[in-house]
Amino acid sequence: MFTVKMEKECGCFKKSEFTNNMTFESKDDALIQALNMAKDMNQDFCQKHEFEVVEDDSTFKISVDERGKSGCCGGGHCS
């Protein structure tokens, strides 16, 4: 069994149609679900957070970080 787990449920996640702690028989199915969720959340949520998938044994955790933690303001002119 493989699990897709949202590390911290932000307000946007709670309001969304996404489900936390989803389980899958296939590792590939779990990974695809986690990557698609992170991609959708990075595109469609309020942009305060950045979401990334981290594999931990049989769990794919979706981590949540504040955007711009690297010192960039996110304005697009730092790169």
Protein backbone atom coordinates (compact mmCIF):
# COMPACT_ATOMS: atom_id res chain seq x y z
CA MET A 1 0.00 0.00 0.00
CA PHE A 2 1.23 3.48 -0.89
CA THR A 3 -0.06 6.73 0.60
CA VAL A 4 -0.28 10.30 -0.66
CA LYS A 5 -0.19 12.56 2.37
CA MET A 6 -0.49 16.33 2.60
CA GLU A 7 2.06 17.37 5.23
CA LYS A 8 0.17 20.46 6.42
CA GLU A 9 -3.33 21.32 5.26
CA CYS A 10 -3.39 25.01 4.37
CA GLY A 11 -6.66 26.89 4.02
CA CYS A 12 -6.71 26.45 0.24
CA PHE A 13 -6.28 22.69 0.62
CA LYS A 14 -9.12 22.51 3.13
CA LYS A 15 -11.42 24.39 0.73
CA SER A 16 -10.40 22.27 -2.26
CA GLU A 17 -11.79 18.96 -3.46
CA PHE A 18 -8.48 17.21 -2.66
CA THR A 19 -8.38 14.41 -0.09
CA ASN A 20 -5.57 13.80 2.38
CA ASN A 21 -4.09 10.36 3.13
CA MET A 22 -5.19 8.67 -0.09
CA THR A 23 -4.00 5.07 -0.48
CA PHE A 24 -3.03 3.20 -3.64
CA GLU A 25 -2.05 -0.38 -4.46
CA SER A 26 0.51 0.80 -7.03
CA LYS A 27 3.54 2.98 -6.30
CA ASP A 28 3.24 4.51 -9.78
CA ASP A 29 -0.41 5.45 -9.22
CA ALA A 30 0.44 7.09 -5.89
CA LEU A 31 3.35 9.03 -7.40
CA ILE A 32 1.29 10.22 -10.36
CA GLN A 33 -1.50 11.37 -8.00
CA ALA A 34 0.96 13.22 -5.72
CA LEU A 35 2.71 14.95 -8.63
CA ASN A 36 -0.60 15.98 -10.21
CA MET A 37 -1.89 17.33 -6.90
CA ALA A 38 1.28 19.36 -6.28
CA LYS A 39 1.18 20.73 -9.83
CA ASP A 40 -2.50 21.71 -9.55
CA MET A 41 -2.01 23.31 -6.13
CA ASN A 42 1.03 25.30 -7.33
CA GLN A 43 -0.99 26.60 -10.28
CA ASP A 44 -4.45 27.10 -8.78
CA PHE A 45 -4.05 27.93 -5.09
CA CYS A 46 -3.50 31.45 -3.68
CA GLN A 47 0.26 31.46 -4.40
CA LYS A 48 1.27 31.99 -0.75
CA HIS A 49 2.72 28.47 -0.61
CA GLU A 50 4.79 26.21 -2.79
CA PHE A 51 4.07 22.46 -2.88
CA GLU A 52 6.64 19.73 -3.52
CA VAL A 53 6.44 15.93 -3.49
CA VAL A 54 8.90 14.08 -1.23
CA GLU A 55 9.11 10.27 -1.18
CA ASP A 56 9.40 8.66 2.26
CA ASP A 57 9.31 4.83 2.06
CA SER A 58 5.76 3.98 0.97
CA THR A 59 4.46 7.52 1.47
CA PHE A 60 4.56 10.43 -0.96
CA LYS A 61 4.40 13.54 1.21
CA ILE A 62 3.37 16.85 -0.28
CA SER A 63 5.39 19.44 1.60
CA VAL A 64 4.29 23.03 2.01
CA ASP A 65 6.70 25.98 2.09
CA GLU A 66 6.21 29.72 2.00
CA ARG A 67 6.88 31.10 -1.47
CA GLY A 68 9.98 33.24 -1.77
CA LYS A 69 11.84 31.61 1.13
CA SER A 70 14.97 31.62 -1.02
CA GLY A 71 15.14 35.41 -0.79
CA CYS A 72 13.40 36.00 -4.09
CA CYS A 73 10.24 38.07 -3.89
CA GLY A 74 8.60 36.06 -6.67
CA GLY A 75 8.33 39.04 -8.99
CA GLY A 76 10.09 37.23 -11.81
CA HIS A 77 13.06 39.60 -12.06
CA CYS A 78 15.54 37.59 -9.92
CA SER A 79 16.35 34.94 -12.50
